[in-house]
Amino acid sequence: MGNHFVKSAVEVLANGFNIHPLKENALLFKYMEELCCKENTLYLLDDLEAVAEAIREYDAYLLIDLISLYDCKAAQQLDILVLED
């Protein structure tokens, strides 16, 4: 999966969660659930370094906490990767 997809997905999620309160984001949570499903062809967490880079770029640190709802290990690794730089 390309780096462009990762950046686009993080941008969509970051912008969506910044615009609306969390309780009004059922569609974004569904999108995030699909992205965090290992069986999905659009699995976002294959390249955690690219995800960490996109999180820093879009100032989307909240996504790490939200990713932990679907994959705790990936969220822990993202915490480390985001803090490295």
N, C-alpha and C. Protein backbone atom coordinates (compact mmCIF):
# COMPACT_ATOMS: atom_id res chain seq x y z
N MET A 1 0.85 -1.16 0.00
CA MET A 1 0.00 0.00 0.00
C MET A 1 0.90 1.23 0.00
N GLY A 2 0.52 2.20 -0.78
CA GLY A 2 1.36 3.36 -0.95
C GLY A 2 1.29 4.36 0.20
N ASN A 3 2.37 5.11 0.31
CA ASN A 3 2.47 6.15 1.31
C ASN A 3 1.39 7.22 1.10
N HIS A 4 1.02 7.43 -0.14
CA HIS A 4 -0.03 8.41 -0.45
C HIS A 4 -1.36 8.01 0.18
N PHE A 5 -1.69 6.72 0.12
CA PHE A 5 -2.93 6.24 0.75
C PHE A 5 -2.89 6.48 2.25
N VAL A 6 -1.77 6.17 2.89
CA VAL A 6 -1.64 6.34 4.34
C VAL A 6 -1.86 7.80 4.71
N LYS A 7 -1.20 8.70 3.98
CA LYS A 7 -1.35 10.13 4.27
C LYS A 7 -2.79 10.59 4.05
N SER A 8 -3.40 10.13 3.00
CA SER A 8 -4.79 10.52 2.71
C SER A 8 -5.74 10.02 3.79
N ALA A 9 -5.56 8.78 4.21
CA ALA A 9 -6.43 8.21 5.24
C ALA A 9 -6.27 8.95 6.56
N VAL A 10 -5.05 9.23 6.96
CA VAL A 10 -4.80 9.96 8.20
C VAL A 10 -5.36 11.38 8.11
N GLU A 11 -5.20 12.01 6.95
CA GLU A 11 -5.74 13.36 6.78
C GLU A 11 -7.27 13.37 6.91
N VAL A 12 -7.94 12.42 6.26
CA VAL A 12 -9.41 12.34 6.34
C VAL A 12 -9.85 12.13 7.78
N LEU A 13 -9.21 11.20 8.47
CA LEU A 13 -9.58 10.93 9.86
C LEU A 13 -9.29 12.12 10.76
N ALA A 14 -8.11 12.72 10.61
CA ALA A 14 -7.74 13.86 11.45
C ALA A 14 -8.70 15.03 11.24
N ASN A 15 -8.98 15.35 10.00
CA ASN A 15 -9.90 16.46 9.72
C ASN A 15 -11.30 16.16 10.22
N GLY A 16 -11.75 14.96 10.01
CA GLY A 16 -13.10 14.58 10.46
C GLY A 16 -13.26 14.63 11.96
N PHE A 17 -12.28 14.10 12.68
CA PHE A 17 -12.38 14.10 14.13
C PHE A 17 -12.17 15.49 14.72
N ASN A 18 -11.47 16.37 14.00
CA ASN A 18 -11.30 17.74 14.48
C ASN A 18 -12.53 18.60 14.25
N ILE A 19 -13.32 18.26 13.25
CA ILE A 19 -14.50 19.06 12.90
C ILE A 19 -15.67 18.74 13.82
N HIS A 20 -15.90 17.48 14.10
CA HIS A 20 -17.08 17.05 14.85
C HIS A 20 -16.68 16.45 16.19
N PRO A 21 -17.54 16.60 17.19
CA PRO A 21 -17.29 15.91 18.46
C PRO A 21 -17.26 14.40 18.23
N LEU A 22 -16.52 13.69 19.07
CA LEU A 22 -16.35 12.24 18.89
C LEU A 22 -17.68 11.50 18.86
N LYS A 23 -18.63 11.94 19.63
CA LYS A 23 -19.90 11.20 19.69
C LYS A 23 -20.69 11.29 18.39
N GLU A 24 -20.35 12.23 17.51
CA GLU A 24 -21.07 12.39 16.24
C GLU A 24 -20.32 11.78 15.06
N ASN A 25 -19.34 10.98 15.33
CA ASN A 25 -18.47 10.47 14.26
C ASN A 25 -18.63 8.99 13.97
N ALA A 26 -19.85 8.50 13.94
CA ALA A 26 -20.06 7.07 13.69
C ALA A 26 -19.47 6.64 12.35
N LEU A 27 -19.60 7.47 11.33
CA LEU A 27 -19.07 7.13 10.02
C LEU A 27 -17.54 7.06 10.04
N LEU A 28 -16.90 8.00 10.73
CA LEU A 28 -15.44 7.97 10.82
C LEU A 28 -14.96 6.76 11.62
N PHE A 29 -15.68 6.41 12.67
CA PHE A 29 -15.31 5.22 13.43
C PHE A 29 -15.45 3.96 12.57
N LYS A 30 -16.47 3.91 11.75
CA LYS A 30 -16.64 2.77 10.84
C LYS A 30 -15.49 2.71 9.83
N TYR A 31 -15.11 3.86 9.29
CA TYR A 31 -13.98 3.94 8.36
C TYR A 31 -12.70 3.48 9.06
N MET A 32 -12.51 3.94 10.27
CA MET A 32 -11.33 3.58 11.02
C MET A 32 -11.32 2.07 11.33
N GLU A 33 -12.48 1.53 11.66
CA GLU A 33 -12.59 0.09 11.91
C GLU A 33 -12.17 -0.71 10.67
N GLU A 34 -12.62 -0.27 9.51
CA GLU A 34 -12.24 -0.93 8.25
C GLU A 34 -10.74 -0.83 8.00
N LEU A 35 -10.17 0.34 8.26
CA LEU A 35 -8.73 0.54 8.03
C LEU A 35 -7.88 -0.28 8.99
N CYS A 36 -8.40 -0.58 10.17
CA CYS A 36 -7.64 -1.32 11.18
C CYS A 36 -7.93 -2.81 11.16
N CYS A 37 -8.72 -3.28 10.22
CA CYS A 37 -9.03 -4.70 10.09
C CYS A 37 -7.96 -5.37 9.23
N LYS A 38 -7.26 -6.33 9.79
CA LYS A 38 -6.16 -7.00 9.09
C LYS A 38 -6.62 -7.73 7.84
N GLU A 39 -7.88 -8.09 7.78
CA GLU A 39 -8.40 -8.82 6.62
C GLU A 39 -8.78 -7.90 5.47
N ASN A 40 -8.79 -6.61 5.71
CA ASN A 40 -9.17 -5.63 4.70
C ASN A 40 -8.00 -5.37 3.75
N THR A 41 -8.29 -5.19 2.49
CA THR A 41 -7.22 -4.89 1.53
C THR A 41 -6.64 -3.50 1.75
N LEU A 42 -7.37 -2.64 2.44
CA LEU A 42 -6.89 -1.29 2.75
C LEU A 42 -6.42 -1.20 4.20
N TYR A 43 -5.72 -2.20 4.67
CA TYR A 43 -5.23 -2.25 6.05
C TYR A 43 -4.20 -1.14 6.27
N LEU A 44 -4.51 -0.22 7.13
CA LEU A 44 -3.69 0.97 7.35
C LEU A 44 -2.42 0.69 8.13
N LEU A 45 -2.44 -0.29 9.00
CA LEU A 45 -1.36 -0.47 9.96
C LEU A 45 -0.23 -1.38 9.49
N ASP A 46 -0.17 -1.65 8.20
CA ASP A 46 0.95 -2.43 7.64
C ASP A 46 2.26 -1.68 7.74
N ASP A 47 2.22 -0.38 7.53
CA ASP A 47 3.43 0.45 7.53
C ASP A 47 3.31 1.49 8.64
N LEU A 48 3.68 1.10 9.85
CA LEU A 48 3.51 1.99 11.00
C LEU A 48 4.39 3.22 10.92
N GLU A 49 5.54 3.11 10.29
CA GLU A 49 6.41 4.28 10.14
C GLU A 49 5.74 5.35 9.28
N ALA A 50 5.08 4.94 8.22
CA ALA A 50 4.35 5.89 7.37
C ALA A 50 3.17 6.49 8.12
N VAL A 51 2.49 5.67 8.92
CA VAL A 51 1.37 6.18 9.71
C VAL A 51 1.88 7.20 10.73
N ALA A 52 2.98 6.89 11.40
CA ALA A 52 3.56 7.81 12.39
C ALA A 52 3.96 9.14 11.73
N GLU A 53 4.55 9.05 10.56
CA GLU A 53 4.94 10.26 9.83
C GLU A 53 3.71 11.10 9.49
N ALA A 54 2.66 10.45 9.03
CA ALA A 54 1.42 11.17 8.67
C ALA A 54 0.76 11.76 9.92
N ILE A 55 0.80 11.05 11.03
CA ILE A 55 0.23 11.57 12.28
C ILE A 55 0.97 12.83 12.70
N ARG A 56 2.28 12.82 12.60
CA ARG A 56 3.05 14.03 12.93
C ARG A 56 2.74 15.16 11.95
N GLU A 57 2.68 14.83 10.66
CA GLU A 57 2.45 15.83 9.63
C GLU A 57 1.10 16.54 9.81
N TYR A 58 0.07 15.78 10.16
CA TYR A 58 -1.28 16.34 10.29
C TYR A 58 -1.65 16.65 11.74
N ASP A 59 -0.67 16.54 12.64
CA ASP A 59 -0.89 16.84 14.05
C ASP A 59 -2.11 16.05 14.56
N ALA A 60 -2.13 14.77 14.25
CA ALA A 60 -3.29 13.91 14.51
C ALA A 60 -3.00 12.90 15.60
N TYR A 61 -2.44 13.36 16.71
CA TYR A 61 -2.02 12.47 17.79
C TYR A 61 -3.21 11.74 18.43
N LEU A 62 -4.38 12.29 18.35
CA LEU A 62 -5.59 11.64 18.87
C LEU A 62 -5.83 10.29 18.19
N LEU A 63 -5.40 10.17 16.94
CA LEU A 63 -5.61 8.92 16.21
C LEU A 63 -4.93 7.73 16.88
N ILE A 64 -3.82 7.96 17.57
CA ILE A 64 -3.14 6.86 18.24
C ILE A 64 -4.05 6.26 19.30
N ASP A 65 -4.71 7.12 20.06
CA ASP A 65 -5.64 6.63 21.08
C ASP A 65 -6.81 5.89 20.44
N LEU A 66 -7.29 6.40 19.33
CA LEU A 66 -8.41 5.76 18.65
C LEU A 66 -7.99 4.44 18.01
N ILE A 67 -6.78 4.38 17.49
CA ILE A 67 -6.27 3.13 16.92
C ILE A 67 -6.15 2.07 18.01
N SER A 68 -5.86 2.49 19.24
CA SER A 68 -5.74 1.53 20.34
C SER A 68 -7.05 0.79 20.60
N LEU A 69 -8.17 1.36 20.18
CA LEU A 69 -9.46 0.67 20.33
C LEU A 69 -9.53 -0.57 19.44
N TYR A 70 -8.74 -0.58 18.38
CA TYR A 70 -8.76 -1.67 17.41
C TYR A 70 -7.51 -2.55 17.46
N ASP A 71 -6.37 -1.94 17.82
CA ASP A 71 -5.11 -2.69 17.84
C ASP A 71 -4.16 -2.03 18.84
N CYS A 72 -4.14 -2.57 20.07
CA CYS A 72 -3.33 -1.98 21.15
C CYS A 72 -1.83 -2.02 20.85
N LYS A 73 -1.37 -3.12 20.28
CA LYS A 73 0.06 -3.26 19.99
C LYS A 73 0.51 -2.24 18.96
N ALA A 74 -0.28 -2.05 17.92
CA ALA A 74 0.06 -1.06 16.89
C ALA A 74 0.07 0.34 17.49
N ALA A 75 -0.88 0.63 18.36
CA ALA A 75 -0.94 1.95 19.00
C ALA A 75 0.29 2.19 19.87
N GLN A 76 0.73 1.18 20.59
CA GLN A 76 1.93 1.31 21.42
C GLN A 76 3.15 1.58 20.55
N GLN A 77 3.26 0.86 19.44
CA GLN A 77 4.39 1.07 18.53
C GLN A 77 4.32 2.46 17.90
N LEU A 78 3.11 2.92 17.58
CA LEU A 78 2.95 4.26 17.02
C LEU A 78 3.38 5.32 18.02
N ASP A 79 3.03 5.13 19.29
CA ASP A 79 3.46 6.06 20.33
C ASP A 79 4.98 6.21 20.32
N ILE A 80 5.66 5.09 20.26
CA ILE A 80 7.12 5.10 20.24
C ILE A 80 7.65 5.77 18.98
N LEU A 81 7.12 5.40 17.82
CA LEU A 81 7.58 5.96 16.56
C LEU A 81 7.33 7.47 16.47
N VAL A 82 6.19 7.92 16.95
CA VAL A 82 5.86 9.34 16.88
C VAL A 82 6.78 10.14 17.78
N LEU A 83 7.13 9.58 18.93
CA LEU A 83 7.98 10.29 19.88
C LEU A 83 9.45 10.28 19.49
N GLU A 84 9.86 9.38 18.60
CA GLU A 84 11.26 9.27 18.21
C GLU A 84 11.81 10.52 17.56
N ASP A 85 11.02 11.15 16.72
CA ASP A 85 11.54 12.32 15.99
C ASP A 85 11.34 13.60 16.74
